[in-house]
Amino acid sequence: MAGFLKGLGNILGAKKKQPLEFFFKLDDPYSYLLLQIAPPLARQFDLPIKFRICKSVPAEKGLPEVAARFFSVRDCRDMMQCYGLQFPDACRELDAQRNQIHSKHESDLLAMLAALPDDRRFVDPAIRLAYAYWHANEDSLLDLKDQLPSIDGAVVEKRLATDEKRLQQLGLKRASCLVWQDNAYWGVDQIESLANQLNQQFPQKEINIARLLQKKILLSKSVYPDPDAPQLTCYHDISSPWSFLVIRELLQIAEQYGLRLDIRLVESIESTPDPKGPAARQLMHSLKLATQRRGSNILRIPEISDSLTTQLCALAQLARQQDRLPEFLVATGTHLFNSKDKVGNKKSLLNLCRYGGLGPEAIDIAGSINSRQELDKSCQALAKLGLWRAPAFSFGSFSTQGEGRLQLLEFEIVRLLRNRQLASQRASRTGILVEEQAF
């Protein structure tokens, strides 16, 4: 009998689903957007959900905190339009009021979060709390405070310590992510990848991701560039796998919408994690998800010295002079992240020049090119946009950053082209219609 009960316990244990962990931070706009997605996703796959709360995490060394804050709010407004999620229209104008509420009621806000259940019951009060906070509605916050159970500071600190310890164990530096099987999925960018992973484990007849995100699909036929075509600017870090992952697709977008593509080389403000630590594992997991989305591959993340970066940037400038920059950047990314060649020696650089459309004399010619001046100029232009990470993109008045923002970029390209009536003018010349379809 004991053996039977043990076997039954093993069977039941095997079928028990691991919870979907949601790391929530009230003053992070990405948490507010994710709060609208995580609960229906968990319901779709009948997963238990674990609600974890976080305080403000110290900014990463070198990261411009004010710029990061400003960008995150702007980015969430753009994402709201692209994905059909809810975010206050007057968000920037409410910043001062929200900051005042946060400083005045910080301990109360943390106590309210800590008072929420850590399971699915947190959803309704958490949405009400986040809505009131992001709309700077102090009266609603105080009403909600009266409705929640009162807890003392010691309980709040214990809950925070437990949840932030879990965040550190996973090698994560910030909240606003979902974690399943110890792998992190950030914001709304990787929600489709997470759903696909869950669908492999718990097959569904249909994955209603489009319904979850209310994603807008943009359809367009190819149009051809002319000298007066609008300019799409890409800020590309030659030593970043994230920049390499988007370069081919970016070239296709520029060709598809008839845009002039201006590629500027920059250096990102990003720290390299300890290769043996949990942060490196999360980085490789995120890269794996990105490669699956892009249909590409990353075989390695080599150590790239400053001197090699300078040399590659000089070669890239030479490639620009010969109108071979996109071809050279694709070859460089392939050499760094997808080949078995030793990085940086003369033989591998000669191979790179050959595949990148440059002759063997390019190495000697590039030695006389000062690439630092162009890098500094492009980095300053990137900073003026309030951005700091490559790949980054700007088109008209719109700008954004990150590998996961190509769909948002395409959404804005179509919208801005329509506003300028350029798309309709080209359509009349070529007989091609640009159309938009929403699920």
Protein backbone atom coordinates (compact mmCIF):
# COMPACT_ATOMS: atom_id res chain seq x y z
CA MET A 1 0.00 0.00 0.00
CA ALA A 2 2.84 2.36 0.88
CA GLY A 3 4.45 1.67 -2.49
CA PHE A 4 1.19 2.37 -4.29
CA LEU A 5 0.76 5.70 -2.48
CA LYS A 6 4.36 6.65 -3.25
CA GLY A 7 3.85 5.83 -6.93
CA LEU A 8 0.61 7.81 -7.01
CA GLY A 9 2.41 10.73 -5.38
CA ASN A 10 5.11 10.61 -8.06
CA ILE A 11 2.50 10.64 -10.83
CA LEU A 12 0.65 13.58 -9.29
CA GLY A 13 3.93 15.39 -8.68
CA ALA A 14 4.98 14.91 -12.29
CA LYS A 15 1.77 16.53 -13.50
CA LYS A 16 2.05 19.48 -11.13
CA LYS A 17 2.77 22.60 -13.15
CA GLN A 18 5.52 24.96 -12.15
CA PRO A 19 4.19 28.43 -11.33
CA LEU A 20 4.64 31.39 -13.60
CA GLU A 21 6.54 33.94 -11.50
CA PHE A 22 5.69 37.60 -12.09
CA PHE A 23 8.17 40.16 -10.72
CA PHE A 24 6.18 43.36 -10.34
CA LYS A 25 7.44 46.86 -9.59
CA LEU A 26 4.74 49.50 -9.21
CA ASP A 27 6.71 52.48 -10.55
CA ASP A 28 8.01 50.57 -13.60
CA PRO A 29 5.71 51.19 -16.60
CA TYR A 30 6.67 47.82 -18.13
CA SER A 31 5.19 46.09 -15.07
CA TYR A 32 1.91 47.88 -15.69
CA LEU A 33 1.77 46.64 -19.27
CA LEU A 34 2.81 43.13 -18.26
CA LEU A 35 0.09 43.10 -15.60
CA GLN A 36 -2.43 43.13 -18.45
CA ILE A 37 -0.84 40.08 -20.11
CA ALA A 38 0.46 37.74 -17.39
CA PRO A 39 -2.92 36.72 -15.86
CA PRO A 40 -4.67 35.77 -19.16
CA LEU A 41 -1.53 33.92 -20.27
CA ALA A 42 -1.51 31.90 -17.04
CA ARG A 43 -5.23 31.15 -17.45
CA GLN A 44 -4.69 30.05 -21.05
CA PHE A 45 -2.31 27.28 -19.91
CA ASP A 46 -3.93 26.74 -16.49
CA LEU A 47 -0.70 27.69 -14.71
CA PRO A 48 -0.44 28.77 -11.09
CA ILE A 49 0.99 32.28 -10.88
CA LYS A 50 3.36 33.57 -8.21
CA PHE A 51 3.19 37.32 -7.62
CA ARG A 52 6.50 38.82 -6.45
CA ILE A 53 7.06 42.47 -5.56
CA CYS A 54 10.23 44.53 -5.93
CA LYS A 55 11.44 47.92 -4.80
CA SER A 56 13.49 50.17 -7.04
CA VAL A 57 16.60 48.29 -8.14
CA PRO A 58 19.82 50.39 -8.26
CA ALA A 59 20.70 51.45 -11.78
CA GLU A 60 23.41 49.49 -13.52
CA LYS A 61 26.80 51.18 -13.42
CA GLY A 62 27.12 53.61 -16.30
CA LEU A 63 23.41 53.55 -17.14
CA PRO A 64 21.87 57.04 -17.41
CA GLU A 65 19.05 56.62 -14.89
CA VAL A 66 17.09 59.77 -15.79
CA ALA A 67 17.31 58.97 -19.51
CA ALA A 68 16.29 55.38 -18.81
CA ARG A 69 13.24 56.54 -16.87
CA PHE A 70 12.22 59.00 -19.56
CA PHE A 71 12.65 56.42 -22.32
CA SER A 72 10.71 53.69 -20.50
CA VAL A 73 7.64 55.91 -20.14
CA ARG A 74 7.84 57.02 -23.78
CA ASP A 75 8.46 53.45 -24.93
CA CYS A 76 5.40 52.17 -23.06
CA ARG A 77 3.19 54.78 -24.72
CA ASP A 78 4.45 53.59 -28.11
CA MET A 79 3.97 49.94 -27.15
CA MET A 80 0.43 50.73 -26.03
CA GLN A 81 -0.43 51.94 -29.53
CA CYS A 82 1.29 49.02 -31.25
CA TYR A 83 -0.13 46.24 -29.07
CA GLY A 84 -3.47 47.78 -28.11
CA LEU A 85 -2.69 47.78 -24.37
CA GLN A 86 -3.81 50.34 -21.82
CA PHE A 87 -1.47 53.13 -20.77
CA PRO A 88 -2.33 56.73 -19.82
CA ASP A 89 -2.13 59.11 -22.78
CA ALA A 90 -0.91 62.04 -20.70
CA CYS A 91 1.77 59.97 -19.03
CA ARG A 92 4.63 62.48 -19.22
CA GLU A 93 2.45 65.31 -17.95
CA LEU A 94 1.58 63.21 -14.91
CA ASP A 95 5.22 62.47 -14.03
CA ALA A 96 5.51 65.28 -11.48
CA GLN A 97 2.24 64.30 -9.78
CA ARG A 98 3.26 60.63 -9.66
CA ASN A 99 6.66 61.49 -8.21
CA GLN A 100 4.97 63.55 -5.51
CA ILE A 101 2.58 60.70 -4.68
CA HIS A 102 5.44 58.19 -4.64
CA SER A 103 7.60 60.21 -2.24
CA LYS A 104 4.60 61.03 -0.02
CA HIS A 105 3.15 57.51 0.16
CA GLU A 106 6.10 55.21 -0.63
CA SER A 107 5.81 53.14 2.55
CA ASP A 108 2.01 52.90 2.13
CA LEU A 109 2.36 51.78 -1.49
CA LEU A 110 4.82 49.04 -0.53
CA ALA A 111 2.53 47.94 2.30
CA MET A 112 -0.41 47.78 -0.11
CA LEU A 113 1.59 45.62 -2.51
CA ALA A 114 2.78 43.36 0.28
CA ALA A 115 -0.82 42.96 1.46
CA LEU A 116 -1.85 41.47 -1.88
CA PRO A 117 -2.03 37.66 -2.12
CA ASP A 118 0.87 36.06 -3.98
CA ASP A 119 -1.46 33.98 -6.19
CA ARG A 120 -4.10 34.77 -8.82
CA ARG A 121 -6.18 36.73 -6.33
CA PHE A 122 -3.68 39.60 -6.63
CA VAL A 123 -4.81 40.47 -10.17
CA ASP A 124 -7.85 42.68 -9.56
CA PRO A 125 -6.47 44.81 -6.70
CA ALA A 126 -3.05 45.05 -8.41
CA ILE A 127 -4.62 46.38 -11.61
CA ARG A 128 -6.67 48.90 -9.62
CA LEU A 129 -3.57 49.96 -7.69
CA ALA A 130 -1.41 50.30 -10.83
CA TYR A 131 -4.15 52.17 -12.70
CA ALA A 132 -4.56 54.68 -9.87
CA TYR A 133 -0.79 55.13 -9.53
CA TRP A 134 -0.08 55.68 -13.23
CA HIS A 135 -3.02 58.07 -13.56
CA ALA A 136 -1.81 59.94 -10.44
CA ASN A 137 -5.19 59.48 -8.73
CA GLU A 138 -4.31 59.96 -5.07
CA ASP A 139 -7.91 59.64 -3.86
CA SER A 140 -8.30 56.21 -5.49
CA LEU A 141 -5.03 55.06 -3.91
CA LEU A 142 -6.20 56.11 -0.45
CA ASP A 143 -9.58 54.39 -0.97
CA LEU A 144 -7.81 51.20 -2.00
CA LYS A 145 -5.55 51.44 1.03
CA ASP A 146 -8.61 51.41 3.30
CA GLN A 147 -9.92 48.27 1.57
CA LEU A 148 -6.71 46.23 1.95
CA PRO A 149 -5.62 44.57 5.19
CA SER A 150 -3.15 46.58 7.24
CA ILE A 151 0.30 45.02 7.75
CA ASP A 152 3.29 46.28 9.68
CA GLY A 153 6.68 47.28 8.32
CA ALA A 154 8.43 44.08 9.40
CA VAL A 155 6.09 41.94 7.30
CA VAL A 156 6.59 44.25 4.32
CA GLU A 157 10.39 44.04 4.57
CA LYS A 158 10.26 40.25 4.91
CA ARG A 159 8.13 39.92 1.77
CA LEU A 160 10.41 42.28 -0.15
CA ALA A 161 13.55 40.50 1.03
CA THR A 162 12.18 37.10 0.00
CA ASP A 163 11.13 38.23 -3.47
CA GLU A 164 14.26 40.27 -4.19
CA LYS A 165 16.46 37.39 -3.03
CA ARG A 166 14.71 35.22 -5.61
CA LEU A 167 15.38 37.89 -8.25
CA GLN A 168 19.10 37.83 -7.41
CA GLN A 169 19.23 34.02 -7.38
CA LEU A 170 18.02 34.08 -10.98
CA GLY A 171 20.76 36.53 -11.96
CA LEU A 172 18.24 39.29 -12.73
CA LYS A 173 18.83 42.98 -12.04
CA ARG A 174 15.35 44.33 -12.63
CA ALA A 175 11.71 43.40 -12.33
CA SER A 176 8.95 43.56 -14.96
CA CYS A 177 9.54 40.05 -16.19
CA LEU A 178 7.92 36.63 -16.13
CA VAL A 179 9.96 33.61 -15.03
CA TRP A 180 9.14 30.03 -15.90
CA GLN A 181 11.45 27.10 -15.18
CA ASP A 182 14.06 29.64 -13.99
CA ASN A 183 14.18 31.37 -17.39
CA ALA A 184 13.23 35.04 -17.62
CA TYR A 185 10.96 36.54 -20.28
CA TRP A 186 11.10 40.33 -20.40
CA GLY A 187 8.14 42.63 -20.75
CA VAL A 188 5.83 42.16 -23.69
CA ASP A 189 8.77 41.57 -26.06
CA GLN A 190 9.21 37.89 -25.28
CA ILE A 191 5.62 36.95 -24.42
CA GLU A 192 5.13 35.10 -27.71
CA SER A 193 8.32 33.09 -27.12
CA LEU A 194 7.07 32.15 -23.64
CA ALA A 195 3.69 31.11 -25.04
CA ASN A 196 5.40 28.90 -27.61
CA GLN A 197 7.49 27.27 -24.88
CA LEU A 198 4.36 26.65 -22.80
CA ASN A 199 2.52 25.27 -25.81
CA GLN A 200 5.24 22.66 -26.29
CA GLN A 201 4.72 21.49 -22.70
CA PHE A 202 0.94 21.90 -22.54
CA PRO A 203 -0.40 21.78 -26.12
CA GLN A 204 -3.39 24.00 -26.87
CA LYS A 205 -5.70 23.90 -29.85
CA GLU A 206 -5.05 27.58 -30.32
CA ILE A 207 -2.68 30.10 -28.76
CA ASN A 208 -4.58 33.37 -28.54
CA ILE A 209 -1.47 35.53 -28.40
CA ALA A 210 -2.93 38.01 -30.85
CA ARG A 211 -5.95 38.34 -28.60
CA LEU A 212 -3.76 38.65 -25.52
CA LEU A 213 -1.73 41.43 -27.07
CA GLN A 214 -4.35 42.83 -29.46
CA LYS A 215 -1.38 42.91 -31.82
CA LYS A 216 -1.69 44.96 -34.99
CA ILE A 217 -0.25 43.29 -38.07
CA LEU A 218 1.22 45.57 -40.71
CA LEU A 219 1.16 44.38 -44.32
CA SER A 220 2.93 46.11 -47.17
CA LYS A 221 4.32 45.35 -50.60
CA SER A 222 7.72 46.49 -51.74
CA VAL A 223 8.24 50.07 -52.86
CA TYR A 224 11.42 51.47 -54.31
CA PRO A 225 13.65 54.18 -52.82
CA ASP A 226 14.25 57.52 -54.49
CA PRO A 227 16.67 60.36 -53.60
CA ASP A 228 13.95 62.15 -51.63
CA ALA A 229 12.93 59.07 -49.64
CA PRO A 230 12.62 59.46 -45.85
CA GLN A 231 15.64 58.43 -43.82
CA LEU A 232 15.71 55.58 -41.32
CA THR A 233 18.67 55.82 -38.96
CA CYS A 234 20.09 52.77 -37.21
CA TYR A 235 22.65 52.98 -34.39
CA HIS A 236 24.71 49.80 -34.64
CA ASP A 237 27.22 48.40 -32.11
CA ILE A 238 29.64 46.32 -34.16
CA SER A 239 30.57 44.16 -31.15
CA SER A 240 26.97 43.49 -30.02
CA PRO A 241 25.13 40.27 -30.92
CA TRP A 242 21.84 42.18 -30.57
CA SER A 243 22.83 44.54 -33.40
CA PHE A 244 23.89 41.60 -35.54
CA LEU A 245 20.53 39.88 -35.02
CA VAL A 246 18.53 42.75 -36.54
CA ILE A 247 20.77 43.97 -39.37
CA ARG A 248 19.36 41.71 -42.11
CA GLU A 249 15.74 42.36 -41.15
CA LEU A 250 16.42 46.09 -40.92
CA LEU A 251 17.77 46.09 -44.47
CA GLN A 252 14.57 44.36 -45.60
CA ILE A 253 12.38 46.94 -43.83
CA ALA A 254 14.27 49.81 -45.45
CA GLU A 255 13.89 48.23 -48.89
CA GLN A 256 10.25 47.30 -48.32
CA TYR A 257 9.19 50.86 -47.46
CA GLY A 258 11.58 52.64 -49.83
CA LEU A 259 13.67 54.28 -47.09
CA ARG A 260 17.23 55.56 -47.13
CA LEU A 261 19.07 53.65 -44.41
CA ASP A 262 21.77 55.52 -42.49
CA ILE A 263 23.81 53.18 -40.26
CA ARG A 264 25.82 54.89 -37.52
CA LEU A 265 28.36 53.03 -35.41
CA VAL A 266 28.15 53.45 -31.62
CA GLU A 267 29.32 51.85 -28.40
CA SER A 268 26.57 50.70 -26.05
CA ILE A 269 26.58 51.23 -22.30
CA GLU A 270 26.29 47.59 -21.31
CA SER A 271 28.22 45.54 -18.79
CA THR A 272 29.39 42.02 -19.56
CA PRO A 273 28.17 39.49 -16.96
CA ASP A 274 30.39 36.93 -15.30
CA PRO A 275 30.47 34.02 -17.81
CA LYS A 276 29.96 31.54 -14.96
CA GLY A 277 27.21 33.46 -13.15
CA PRO A 278 23.41 33.25 -13.42
CA ALA A 279 23.24 36.60 -15.24
CA ALA A 280 25.22 35.11 -18.14
CA ARG A 281 22.77 32.19 -18.31
CA GLN A 282 19.84 34.61 -18.53
CA LEU A 283 21.67 36.54 -21.27
CA MET A 284 22.14 33.38 -23.33
CA HIS A 285 18.49 32.45 -22.75
CA SER A 286 17.37 35.87 -24.05
CA LEU A 287 19.68 35.53 -27.05
CA LYS A 288 18.25 32.08 -27.77
CA LEU A 289 14.71 33.49 -27.78
CA ALA A 290 15.80 36.32 -30.07
CA THR A 291 17.50 33.96 -32.52
CA GLN A 292 14.34 31.85 -32.66
CA ARG A 293 12.28 34.94 -33.46
CA ARG A 294 14.72 36.12 -36.11
CA GLY A 295 15.42 32.71 -37.63
CA SER A 296 19.16 33.20 -37.10
CA ASN A 297 21.78 31.79 -34.79
CA ILE A 298 24.40 32.80 -32.21
CA LEU A 299 27.08 30.17 -31.64
CA ARG A 300 29.35 32.10 -29.29
CA ILE A 301 29.87 35.37 -27.41
CA PRO A 302 33.62 36.07 -27.75
CA GLU A 303 35.64 38.53 -25.70
CA ILE A 304 36.22 41.54 -27.94
CA SER A 305 39.02 43.90 -26.92
CA ASP A 306 38.78 47.68 -27.28
CA SER A 307 41.60 47.64 -29.83
CA LEU A 308 39.77 45.08 -31.98
CA THR A 309 36.55 47.12 -31.77
CA THR A 310 38.47 50.19 -32.94
CA GLN A 311 39.99 48.21 -35.82
CA LEU A 312 36.60 46.81 -36.88
CA CYS A 313 35.05 50.29 -36.78
CA ALA A 314 37.86 51.61 -38.99
CA LEU A 315 37.22 48.79 -41.48
CA ALA A 316 33.51 49.63 -41.34
CA GLN A 317 34.26 53.26 -42.23
CA LEU A 318 36.27 52.04 -45.20
CA ALA A 319 33.36 49.80 -46.20
CA ARG A 320 31.04 52.82 -46.01
CA GLN A 321 33.31 54.74 -48.38
CA GLN A 322 33.02 51.84 -50.83
CA ASP A 323 29.21 51.54 -50.37
CA ARG A 324 29.64 48.11 -48.78
CA LEU A 325 28.78 48.89 -45.16
CA PRO A 326 25.68 46.63 -44.75
CA GLU A 327 27.49 43.73 -46.41
CA PHE A 328 30.52 44.26 -44.17
CA LEU A 329 28.43 44.45 -40.96
CA VAL A 330 26.70 41.16 -41.78
CA ALA A 331 30.10 39.55 -42.44
CA THR A 332 31.52 40.99 -39.20
CA GLY A 333 28.63 39.66 -37.11
CA THR A 334 28.96 36.25 -38.75
CA HIS A 335 32.70 36.23 -38.02
CA LEU A 336 32.29 37.26 -34.37
CA PHE A 337 29.24 35.23 -33.37
CA ASN A 338 28.80 32.39 -35.87
CA SER A 339 32.23 31.18 -36.97
CA LYS A 340 34.99 29.08 -35.45
CA ASP A 341 37.74 31.47 -36.55
CA LYS A 342 39.90 32.91 -33.83
CA VAL A 343 38.75 36.46 -33.20
CA GLY A 344 41.19 39.25 -33.97
CA ASN A 345 44.20 37.56 -35.61
CA LYS A 346 45.37 38.67 -39.06
CA LYS A 347 44.18 35.55 -40.89
CA SER A 348 40.62 35.88 -39.56
CA LEU A 349 40.58 39.61 -40.37
CA LEU A 350 41.69 38.85 -43.93
CA ASN A 351 38.83 36.36 -44.23
CA LEU A 352 36.46 38.98 -42.84
CA CYS A 353 37.61 41.54 -45.42
CA ARG A 354 37.10 39.02 -48.22
CA TYR A 355 33.58 38.05 -47.13
CA GLY A 356 32.73 41.68 -46.39
CA GLY A 357 33.56 42.83 -49.91
CA LEU A 358 36.90 44.49 -49.07
CA GLY A 359 40.29 43.61 -50.49
CA PRO A 360 43.28 42.30 -48.47
CA GLU A 361 44.80 45.80 -48.53
CA ALA A 362 41.87 47.05 -46.41
CA ILE A 363 43.61 46.18 -43.12
CA ASP A 364 46.58 48.46 -43.88
CA ILE A 365 44.33 51.25 -45.19
CA ALA A 366 42.07 51.05 -42.12
CA GLY A 367 45.12 51.48 -39.89
CA SER A 368 45.29 55.13 -40.95
CA ILE A 369 41.59 55.80 -40.24
CA ASN A 370 40.62 57.44 -36.93
CA SER A 371 37.31 55.77 -36.10
CA ARG A 372 37.00 57.36 -32.65
CA GLN A 373 35.73 60.68 -33.99
CA GLU A 374 32.78 59.08 -35.79
CA LEU A 375 31.98 56.85 -32.79
CA ASP A 376 31.91 59.83 -30.42
CA LYS A 377 29.73 61.85 -32.79
CA SER A 378 27.23 59.01 -33.20
CA CYS A 379 27.14 58.32 -29.45
CA GLN A 380 26.34 61.99 -28.83
CA ALA A 381 23.53 61.85 -31.39
CA LEU A 382 22.18 58.73 -29.68
CA ALA A 383 22.27 60.42 -26.28
CA LYS A 384 20.35 63.43 -27.65
CA LEU A 385 17.53 61.02 -28.49
CA GLY A 386 17.48 59.88 -24.86
CA LEU A 387 18.81 56.45 -25.87
CA TRP A 388 21.95 54.54 -24.88
CA ARG A 389 21.74 50.98 -26.18
CA ALA A 390 22.25 49.45 -29.62
CA PRO A 391 20.54 48.60 -31.79
CA ALA A 392 18.59 51.85 -31.75
CA PHE A 393 16.43 53.37 -34.45
CA SER A 394 15.04 56.78 -35.38
CA PHE A 395 12.56 57.69 -38.08
CA GLY A 396 11.10 61.17 -38.23
CA SER A 397 10.08 62.15 -34.71
CA PHE A 398 10.05 58.54 -33.51
CA SER A 399 12.97 56.77 -31.85
CA THR A 400 13.41 53.58 -29.86
CA GLN A 401 16.03 51.01 -28.92
CA GLY A 402 16.39 47.25 -28.55
CA GLU A 403 16.28 44.14 -30.72
CA GLY A 404 12.67 43.53 -29.67
CA ARG A 405 11.43 46.85 -31.10
CA LEU A 406 11.52 46.08 -34.84
CA GLN A 407 7.77 45.46 -34.99
CA LEU A 408 7.11 48.72 -33.16
CA LEU A 409 9.48 50.47 -35.58
CA GLU A 410 7.59 49.07 -38.57
CA PHE A 411 4.28 50.13 -37.02
CA GLU A 412 5.57 53.70 -36.64
CA ILE A 413 7.06 53.76 -40.16
CA VAL A 414 3.68 52.94 -41.69
CA ARG A 415 1.89 55.43 -39.44
CA LEU A 416 4.32 58.26 -40.18
CA LEU A 417 4.39 57.53 -43.90
CA ARG A 418 0.61 57.75 -43.94
CA ASN A 419 0.64 60.99 -41.99
CA ARG A 420 2.98 62.47 -44.58
CA GLN A 421 0.88 60.99 -47.42
CA LEU A 422 4.04 59.45 -48.85
CA ALA A 423 2.66 55.93 -48.75
CA SER A 424 -0.43 56.86 -50.77
CA GLN A 425 1.67 58.78 -53.31
CA ARG A 426 3.92 55.77 -53.89
CA ALA A 427 0.91 53.47 -53.99
CA SER A 428 -0.64 55.52 -56.79
CA ARG A 429 2.61 55.38 -58.79
CA THR A 430 3.19 51.65 -58.36
CA GLY A 431 -0.36 50.36 -57.93
CA ILE A 432 0.53 48.97 -54.49
CA LEU A 433 -1.64 49.47 -51.42
CA VAL A 434 -0.32 49.61 -47.88
CA GLU A 435 -2.87 48.06 -45.60
CA GLU A 436 -3.22 47.46 -41.89
CA GLN A 437 -5.11 44.62 -40.26
CA ALA A 438 -5.95 44.28 -36.55
CA PHE A 439 -6.84 41.04 -34.81
